[in-house]
PDB file of N, CA and C in Angstrom:
ATOM      1  N   TRP A   1       8.156  84.185 -26.917  1.00  0.00           N
ATOM      2  CA  TRP A   1       7.883  83.363 -28.068  1.00  0.00           C
ATOM      3  C   TRP A   1       7.006  82.168 -27.709  1.00  0.00           C
ATOM      4  N   VAL A   2       7.302  81.575 -26.593  1.00  0.00           N
ATOM      5  CA  VAL A   2       6.550  80.394 -26.177  1.00  0.00           C
ATOM      6  C   VAL A   2       5.072  80.741 -26.004  1.00  0.00           C
ATOM      7  N   GLU A   3       4.799  81.866 -25.375  1.00  0.00           N
ATOM      8  CA  GLU A   3       3.406  82.291 -25.196  1.00  0.00           C
ATOM      9  C   GLU A   3       2.732  82.546 -26.542  1.00  0.00           C
ATOM     10  N   LEU A   4       3.449  83.165 -27.450  1.00  0.00           N
ATOM     11  CA  LEU A   4       2.904  83.439 -28.772  1.00  0.00           C
ATOM     12  C   LEU A   4       2.565  82.142 -29.494  1.00  0.00           C
ATOM     13  N   ILE A   5       3.453  81.154 -29.394  1.00  0.00           N
ATOM     14  CA  ILE A   5       3.209  79.861 -30.031  1.00  0.00           C
ATOM     15  C   ILE A   5       1.999  79.183 -29.389  1.00  0.00           C
ATOM     16  N   ARG A   6       1.911  79.235 -28.070  1.00  0.00           N
ATOM     17  CA  ARG A   6       0.767  78.625 -27.372  1.00  0.00           C
ATOM     18  C   ARG A   6      -0.532  79.287 -27.789  1.00  0.00           C
ATOM     19  N   GLU A   7      -0.543  80.624 -27.858  1.00  0.00           N
ATOM     20  CA  GLU A   7      -1.754  81.335 -28.258  1.00  0.00           C
ATOM     21  C   GLU A   7      -2.140  80.977 -29.687  1.00  0.00           C
ATOM     22  N   HIS A   8      -1.142  80.915 -30.572  1.00  0.00           N
ATOM     23  CA  HIS A   8      -1.425  80.567 -31.961  1.00  0.00           C
ATOM     24  C   HIS A   8      -1.998  79.152 -32.047  1.00  0.00           C
ATOM     25  N   SER A   9      -1.440  78.213 -31.286  1.00  0.00           N
ATOM     26  CA  SER A   9      -1.931  76.837 -31.288  1.00  0.00           C
ATOM     27  C   SER A   9      -3.363  76.771 -30.773  1.00  0.00           C
ATOM     28  N   ALA A  10      -3.646  77.538 -29.729  1.00  0.00           N
ATOM     29  CA  ALA A  10      -5.004  77.559 -29.178  1.00  0.00           C
ATOM     30  C   ALA A  10      -5.980  78.143 -30.192  1.00  0.00           C
ATOM     31  N   GLU A  11      -5.587  79.210 -30.872  1.00  0.00           N
ATOM     32  CA  GLU A  11      -6.453  79.815 -31.886  1.00  0.00           C
ATOM     33  C   GLU A  11      -6.687  78.851 -33.043  1.00  0.00           C
ATOM     34  N   ALA A  12      -5.645  78.177 -33.471  1.00  0.00           N
ATOM     35  CA  ALA A  12      -5.770  77.215 -34.568  1.00  0.00           C
ATOM     36  C   ALA A  12      -6.711  76.082 -34.170  1.00  0.00           C
ATOM     37  N   GLU A  13      -6.592  75.609 -32.959  1.00  0.00           N
ATOM     38  CA  GLU A  13      -7.461  74.531 -32.474  1.00  0.00           C
ATOM     39  C   GLU A  13      -8.914  74.992 -32.409  1.00  0.00           C
ATOM     40  N   MET A  14      -9.138  76.211 -31.944  1.00  0.00           N
ATOM     41  CA  MET A  14     -10.494  76.753 -31.905  1.00  0.00           C
ATOM     42  C   MET A  14     -11.067  76.853 -33.310  1.00  0.00           C
ATOM     43  N   GLY A  15     -10.241  77.292 -34.261  1.00  0.00           N
ATOM     44  CA  GLY A  15     -10.689  77.388 -35.645  1.00  0.00           C
ATOM     45  C   GLY A  15     -11.070  76.031 -36.203  1.00  0.00           C
ATOM     46  N   ARG A  16     -10.256  75.012 -35.918  1.00  0.00           N
ATOM     47  CA  ARG A  16     -10.565  73.655 -36.379  1.00  0.00           C
ATOM     48  C   ARG A  16     -11.856  73.152 -35.741  1.00  0.00           C
ATOM     49  N   THR A  17     -12.054  73.469 -34.478  1.00  0.00           N
ATOM     50  CA  THR A  17     -13.270  73.037 -33.783  1.00  0.00           C
ATOM     51  C   THR A  17     -14.501  73.680 -34.423  1.00  0.00           C
ATOM     52  N   GLU A  18     -14.407  74.967 -34.729  1.00  0.00           N
ATOM     53  CA  GLU A  18     -15.517  75.657 -35.395  1.00  0.00           C
ATOM     54  C   GLU A  18     -15.778  75.069 -36.771  1.00  0.00           C
ATOM     55  N   GLU A  19     -14.717  74.810 -37.526  1.00  0.00           N
ATOM     56  CA  GLU A  19     -14.875  74.241 -38.862  1.00  0.00           C
ATOM     57  C   GLU A  19     -15.517  72.865 -38.801  1.00  0.00           C
ATOM     58  N   MET A  20     -15.125  72.056 -37.833  1.00  0.00           N
ATOM     59  CA  MET A  20     -15.718  70.726 -37.698  1.00  0.00           C
ATOM     60  C   MET A  20     -17.198  70.826 -37.336  1.00  0.00           C
ATOM     61  N   ALA A  21     -17.548  71.783 -36.497  1.00  0.00           N
ATOM     62  CA  ALA A  21     -18.949  71.975 -36.142  1.00  0.00           C
ATOM     63  C   ALA A  21     -19.757  72.396 -37.373  1.00  0.00           C
ATOM     64  N   GLN A  22     -19.198  73.279 -38.191  1.00  0.00           N
ATOM     65  CA  GLN A  22     -19.869  73.702 -39.426  1.00  0.00           C
ATOM     66  C   GLN A  22     -20.017  72.525 -40.384  1.00  0.00           C
ATOM     67  N   LEU A  23     -18.974  71.720 -40.474  1.00  0.00           N
ATOM     68  CA  LEU A  23     -19.018  70.557 -41.347  1.00  0.00           C
ATOM     69  C   LEU A  23     -20.084  69.571 -40.879  1.00  0.00           C
ATOM     70  N   GLN A  24     -20.145  69.308 -39.584  1.00  0.00           N
ATOM     71  CA  GLN A  24     -21.151  68.383 -39.052  1.00  0.00           C
ATOM     72  C   GLN A  24     -22.567  68.896 -39.323  1.00  0.00           C
ATOM     73  N   THR A  25     -22.760  70.199 -39.163  1.00  0.00           N
ATOM     74  CA  THR A  25     -24.074  70.798 -39.428  1.00  0.00           C
ATOM     75  C   THR A  25     -24.438  70.639 -40.896  1.00  0.00           C
ATOM     76  N   ALA A  26     -23.474  70.877 -41.783  1.00  0.00           N
ATOM     77  CA  ALA A  26     -23.727  70.755 -43.216  1.00  0.00           C
ATOM     78  C   ALA A  26     -23.960  69.303 -43.620  1.00  0.00           C
ATOM     79  N   LEU A  27     -23.232  68.368 -43.017  1.00  0.00           N
ATOM     80  CA  LEU A  27     -23.404  66.951 -43.356  1.00  0.00           C
ATOM     81  C   LEU A  27     -24.824  66.472 -43.080  1.00  0.00           C
ATOM     82  N   VAL A  28     -25.429  66.996 -42.036  1.00  0.00           N
ATOM     83  CA  VAL A  28     -26.792  66.596 -41.673  1.00  0.00           C
ATOM     84  C   VAL A  28     -27.778  66.980 -42.780  1.00  0.00           C
ATOM     85  N   CYS A  29     -27.451  67.984 -43.566  1.00  0.00           N
ATOM     86  CA  CYS A  29     -28.328  68.440 -44.651  1.00  0.00           C
ATOM     87  C   CYS A  29     -28.297  67.505 -45.860  1.00  0.00           C
ATOM     88  N   LEU A  30     -27.312  66.627 -45.926  1.00  0.00           N
ATOM     89  CA  LEU A  30     -27.174  65.732 -47.069  1.00  0.00           C
ATOM     90  C   LEU A  30     -28.057  64.502 -46.920  1.00  0.00           C
ATOM     91  N   ARG A  31     -28.294  63.840 -48.052  1.00  0.00           N
ATOM     92  CA  ARG A  31     -29.027  62.579 -48.008  1.00  0.00           C
ATOM     93  C   ARG A  31     -28.172  61.539 -47.273  1.00  0.00           C
ATOM     94  N   PRO A  32     -28.790  60.569 -46.625  1.00  0.00           N
ATOM     95  CA  PRO A  32     -28.036  59.563 -45.847  1.00  0.00           C
ATOM     96  C   PRO A  32     -26.941  58.862 -46.654  1.00  0.00           C
ATOM     97  N   GLU A  33     -27.217  58.531 -47.920  1.00  0.00           N
ATOM     98  CA  GLU A  33     -26.191  57.835 -48.715  1.00  0.00           C
ATOM     99  C   GLU A  33     -25.013  58.763 -49.027  1.00  0.00           C
ATOM    100  N   GLN A  34     -25.280  60.074 -49.167  1.00  0.00           N
ATOM    101  CA  GLN A  34     -24.189  61.032 -49.370  1.00  0.00           C
ATOM    102  C   GLN A  34     -23.366  61.166 -48.094  1.00  0.00           C
ATOM    103  N   GLN A  35     -24.033  61.206 -46.956  1.00  0.00           N
ATOM    104  CA  GLN A  35     -23.326  61.266 -45.670  1.00  0.00           C
ATOM    105  C   GLN A  35     -22.425  60.049 -45.500  1.00  0.00           C
ATOM    106  N   ARG A  36     -22.970  58.879 -45.806  1.00  0.00           N
ATOM    107  CA  ARG A  36     -22.226  57.625 -45.657  1.00  0.00           C
ATOM    108  C   ARG A  36     -20.997  57.616 -46.572  1.00  0.00           C
ATOM    109  N   LEU A  37     -21.148  58.093 -47.797  1.00  0.00           N
ATOM    110  CA  LEU A  37     -20.046  58.128 -48.753  1.00  0.00           C
ATOM    111  C   LEU A  37     -18.936  59.059 -48.281  1.00  0.00           C
ATOM    112  N   ILE A  38     -19.289  60.255 -47.846  1.00  0.00           N
ATOM    113  CA  ILE A  38     -18.281  61.210 -47.374  1.00  0.00           C
ATOM    114  C   ILE A  38     -17.587  60.686 -46.123  1.00  0.00           C
ATOM    115  N   GLN A  39     -18.345  60.131 -45.204  1.00  0.00           N
ATOM    116  CA  GLN A  39     -17.754  59.567 -43.983  1.00  0.00           C
ATOM    117  C   GLN A  39     -16.773  58.452 -44.333  1.00  0.00           C
ATOM    118  N   ALA A  40     -17.201  57.533 -45.201  1.00  0.00           N
ATOM    119  CA  ALA A  40     -16.366  56.380 -45.539  1.00  0.00           C
ATOM    120  C   ALA A  40     -15.087  56.804 -46.253  1.00  0.00           C
ATOM    121  N   HIS A  41     -15.206  57.733 -47.190  1.00  0.00           N
ATOM    122  CA  HIS A  41     -14.040  58.106 -47.989  1.00  0.00           C
ATOM    123  C   HIS A  41     -13.078  59.022 -47.232  1.00  0.00           C
ATOM    124  N   PHE A  42     -13.599  60.075 -46.635  1.00  0.00           N
ATOM    125  CA  PHE A  42     -12.725  61.080 -46.030  1.00  0.00           C
ATOM    126  C   PHE A  42     -12.363  60.805 -44.574  1.00  0.00           C
ATOM    127  N   PHE A  43     -13.261  60.196 -43.824  1.00  0.00           N
ATOM    128  CA  PHE A  43     -13.006  60.016 -42.394  1.00  0.00           C
ATOM    129  C   PHE A  43     -12.579  58.599 -42.027  1.00  0.00           C
ATOM    130  N   GLN A  44     -12.989  57.621 -42.837  1.00  0.00           N
ATOM    131  CA  GLN A  44     -12.604  56.243 -42.552  1.00  0.00           C
ATOM    132  C   GLN A  44     -11.521  55.739 -43.492  1.00  0.00           C
ATOM    133  N   GLY A  45     -11.199  56.524 -44.526  1.00  0.00           N
ATOM    134  CA  GLY A  45     -10.077  56.207 -45.394  1.00  0.00           C
ATOM    135  C   GLY A  45     -10.314  55.191 -46.490  1.00  0.00           C
ATOM    136  N   TYR A  46     -11.565  54.882 -46.799  1.00  0.00           N
ATOM    137  CA  TYR A  46     -11.830  53.939 -47.885  1.00  0.00           C
ATOM    138  C   TYR A  46     -11.565  54.615 -49.226  1.00  0.00           C
ATOM    139  N   SER A  47     -10.934  53.878 -50.125  1.00  0.00           N
ATOM    140  CA  SER A  47     -10.709  54.406 -51.476  1.00  0.00           C
ATOM    141  C   SER A  47     -12.006  54.274 -52.274  1.00  0.00           C
ATOM    142  N   LEU A  48     -12.052  54.966 -53.397  1.00  0.00           N
ATOM    143  CA  LEU A  48     -13.230  54.860 -54.262  1.00  0.00           C
ATOM    144  C   LEU A  48     -13.377  53.434 -54.782  1.00  0.00           C
ATOM    145  N   ALA A  49     -12.256  52.782 -55.081  1.00  0.00           N
ATOM    146  CA  ALA A  49     -12.296  51.389 -55.547  1.00  0.00           C
ATOM    147  C   ALA A  49     -12.831  50.463 -54.455  1.00  0.00           C
ATOM    148  N   ASP A  50     -12.410  50.694 -53.206  1.00  0.00           N
ATOM    149  CA  ASP A  50     -12.921  49.886 -52.083  1.00  0.00           C
ATOM    150  C   ASP A  50     -14.434  50.032 -51.971  1.00  0.00           C
ATOM    151  N   LEU A  51     -14.896  51.259 -52.040  1.00  0.00           N
ATOM    152  CA  LEU A  51     -16.333  51.515 -51.907  1.00  0.00           C
ATOM    153  C   LEU A  51     -17.104  50.908 -53.075  1.00  0.00           C
ATOM    154  N   ALA A  52     -16.551  51.015 -54.270  1.00  0.00           N
ATOM    155  CA  ALA A  52     -17.215  50.437 -55.441  1.00  0.00           C
ATOM    156  C   ALA A  52     -17.370  48.921 -55.275  1.00  0.00           C
ATOM    157  N   ARG A  53     -16.317  48.257 -54.803  1.00  0.00           N
ATOM    158  CA  ARG A  53     -16.395  46.809 -54.571  1.00  0.00           C
ATOM    159  C   ARG A  53     -17.452  46.482 -53.519  1.00  0.00           C
ATOM    160  N   GLN A  54     -17.441  47.234 -52.416  1.00  0.00           N
ATOM    161  CA  GLN A  54     -18.400  46.971 -51.337  1.00  0.00           C
ATOM    162  C   GLN A  54     -19.834  47.176 -51.790  1.00  0.00           C
ATOM    163  N   TRP A  55     -20.036  48.187 -52.624  1.00  0.00           N
ATOM    164  CA  TRP A  55     -21.399  48.542 -53.027  1.00  0.00           C
ATOM    165  C   TRP A  55     -21.819  47.932 -54.355  1.00  0.00           C
ATOM    166  N   GLY A  56     -20.933  47.122 -54.955  1.00  0.00           N
ATOM    167  CA  GLY A  56     -21.277  46.433 -56.185  1.00  0.00           C
ATOM    168  C   GLY A  56     -21.481  47.356 -57.371  1.00  0.00           C
ATOM    169  N   THR A  57     -20.628  48.351 -57.504  1.00  0.00           N
ATOM    170  CA  THR A  57     -20.727  49.298 -58.608  1.00  0.00           C
ATOM    171  C   THR A  57     -19.322  49.609 -59.109  1.00  0.00           C
ATOM    172  N   THR A  58     -19.203  50.564 -59.996  1.00  0.00           N
ATOM    173  CA  THR A  58     -17.889  50.912 -60.539  1.00  0.00           C
ATOM    174  C   THR A  58     -17.269  52.074 -59.770  1.00  0.00           C
ATOM    175  N   ARG A  59     -15.963  52.170 -59.885  1.00  0.00           N
ATOM    176  CA  ARG A  59     -15.241  53.286 -59.269  1.00  0.00           C
ATOM    177  C   ARG A  59     -15.728  54.618 -59.848  1.00  0.00           C
ATOM    178  N   GLN A  60     -15.991  54.647 -61.145  1.00  0.00           N
ATOM    179  CA  GLN A  60     -16.460  55.866 -61.798  1.00  0.00           C
ATOM    180  C   GLN A  60     -17.817  56.295 -61.256  1.00  0.00           C
ATOM    181  N   ALA A  61     -18.676  55.333 -60.991  1.00  0.00           N
ATOM    182  CA  ALA A  61     -19.991  55.659 -60.436  1.00  0.00           C
ATOM    183  C   ALA A  61     -19.839  56.254 -59.032  1.00  0.00           C
ATOM    184  N   VAL A  62     -18.959  55.682 -58.230  1.00  0.00           N
ATOM    185  CA  VAL A  62     -18.726  56.198 -56.875  1.00  0.00           C
ATOM    186  C   VAL A  62     -18.115  57.592 -56.950  1.00  0.00           C
ATOM    187  N   ALA A  63     -17.187  57.809 -57.901  1.00  0.00           N
ATOM    188  CA  ALA A  63     -16.571  59.128 -58.063  1.00  0.00           C
ATOM    189  C   ALA A  63     -17.629  60.169 -58.419  1.00  0.00           C
ATOM    190  N   GLY A  64     -18.561  59.813 -59.285  1.00  0.00           N
ATOM    191  CA  GLY A  64     -19.653  60.736 -59.638  1.00  0.00           C
ATOM    192  C   GLY A  64     -20.534  61.051 -58.447  1.00  0.00           C
ATOM    193  N   GLN A  65     -20.854  60.016 -57.662  1.00  0.00           N
ATOM    194  CA  GLN A  65     -21.655  60.220 -56.457  1.00  0.00           C
ATOM    195  C   GLN A  65     -20.930  61.136 -55.478  1.00  0.00           C
ATOM    196  N   LEU A  66     -19.614  60.942 -55.361  1.00  0.00           N
ATOM    197  CA  LEU A  66     -18.830  61.769 -54.449  1.00  0.00           C
ATOM    198  C   LEU A  66     -18.808  63.222 -54.919  1.00  0.00           C
ATOM    199  N   ARG A  67     -18.636  63.440 -56.225  1.00  0.00           N
ATOM    200  CA  ARG A  67     -18.662  64.818 -56.748  1.00  0.00           C
ATOM    201  C   ARG A  67     -19.982  65.503 -56.428  1.00  0.00           C
ATOM    202  N   ARG A  68     -21.080  64.796 -56.642  1.00  0.00           N
ATOM    203  CA  ARG A  68     -22.398  65.377 -56.351  1.00  0.00           C
ATOM    204  C   ARG A  68     -22.564  65.633 -54.854  1.00  0.00           C
ATOM    205  N   ALA A  69     -22.094  64.705 -54.031  1.00  0.00           N
ATOM    206  CA  ALA A  69     -22.195  64.874 -52.582  1.00  0.00           C
ATOM    207  C   ALA A  69     -21.383  66.078 -52.119  1.00  0.00           C
ATOM    208  N   LEU A  70     -20.172  66.242 -52.668  1.00  0.00           N
ATOM    209  CA  LEU A  70     -19.336  67.384 -52.282  1.00  0.00           C
ATOM    210  C   LEU A  70     -19.943  68.702 -52.756  1.00  0.00           C
ATOM    211  N   ARG A  71     -20.563  68.697 -53.925  1.00  0.00           N
ATOM    212  CA  ARG A  71     -21.240  69.896 -54.410  1.00  0.00           C
ATOM    213  C   ARG A  71     -22.378  70.275 -53.449  1.00  0.00           C
ATOM    214  N   SER A  72     -23.142  69.281 -53.029  1.00  0.00           N
ATOM    215  CA  SER A  72     -24.233  69.531 -52.072  1.00  0.00           C
ATOM    216  C   SER A  72     -23.682  70.016 -50.733  1.00  0.00           C
ATOM    217  N   LEU A  73     -22.567  69.434 -50.316  1.00  0.00           N
ATOM    218  CA  LEU A  73     -21.947  69.833 -49.053  1.00  0.00           C
ATOM    219  C   LEU A  73     -21.477  71.288 -49.122  1.00  0.00           C
ATOM    220  N   ARG A  74     -20.858  71.662 -50.237  1.00  0.00           N
ATOM    221  CA  ARG A  74     -20.425  73.060 -50.402  1.00  0.00           C
ATOM    222  C   ARG A  74     -21.606  74.013 -50.330  1.00  0.00           C
ATOM    223  N   ARG A  75     -22.703  73.661 -51.002  1.00  0.00           N
ATOM    224  CA  ARG A  75     -23.901  74.517 -50.956  1.00  0.00           C
ATOM    225  C   ARG A  75     -24.437  74.631 -49.528  1.00  0.00           C
ATOM    226  N   ALA A  76     -24.406  73.526 -48.799  1.00  0.00           N
ATOM    227  CA  ALA A  76     -24.895  73.538 -47.412  1.00  0.00           C
ATOM    228  C   ALA A  76     -23.993  74.364 -46.508  1.00  0.00           C
ATOM    229  N   MET A  77     -22.713  74.456 -46.856  1.00  0.00           N
ATOM    230  CA  MET A  77     -21.770  75.202 -46.017  1.00  0.00           C
ATOM    231  C   MET A  77     -21.656  76.669 -46.409  1.00  0.00           C
ATOM    232  N   GLU A  78     -22.174  77.077 -47.545  1.00  0.00           N
ATOM    233  CA  GLU A  78     -22.024  78.456 -48.009  1.00  0.00           C
ATOM    234  C   GLU A  78     -22.465  79.506 -46.991  1.00  0.00           C
ATOM    235  N   PRO A  79     -23.614  79.337 -46.333  1.00  0.00           N
ATOM    236  CA  PRO A  79     -23.994  80.366 -45.342  1.00  0.00           C
ATOM    237  C   PRO A  79     -22.957  80.536 -44.232  1.00  0.00           C
ATOM    238  N   ALA A  80     -22.370  79.452 -43.765  1.00  0.00           N
ATOM    239  CA  ALA A  80     -21.376  79.520 -42.696  1.00  0.00           C
ATOM    240  C   ALA A  80     -20.081  80.126 -43.194  1.00  0.00           C
ATOM    241  N   LEU A  81     -19.714  79.838 -44.442  1.00  0.00           N
ATOM    242  CA  LEU A  81     -18.460  80.342 -44.989  1.00  0.00           C
ATOM    243  C   LEU A  81     -18.528  81.835 -45.300  1.00  0.00           C
ATOM    244  N   SER A  82     -19.721  82.329 -45.630  1.00  0.00           N
ATOM    245  CA  SER A  82     -19.843  83.737 -45.994  1.00  0.00           C
ATOM    246  C   SER A  82     -19.957  84.657 -44.765  1.00  0.00           C
ATOM    247  N   SER A  83     -20.167  84.093 -43.602  1.00  0.00           N
ATOM    248  CA  SER A  83     -20.304  84.942 -42.410  1.00  0.00           C
ATOM    249  C   SER A  83     -18.987  85.169 -41.715  1.00  0.00           C
TER     250      SER A  83
END
């Protein structure tokens, strides 16, 4: 059992590493402001309200920008996801 658990953990880690590499490749395809928004919200933990205050805009405007950025990110990742 221990070996099976270790193998499963190693496989899961490899999968996460591959997914992160695909994500990094796709992020490079986005505009710099979209990259900055995704990094700040998902990787640095800023809320939409925090970002809106920092950037002098509304939370709704940031939410719209995030939706568009995620749509672009999904399109950039489609080739990797379909293989």
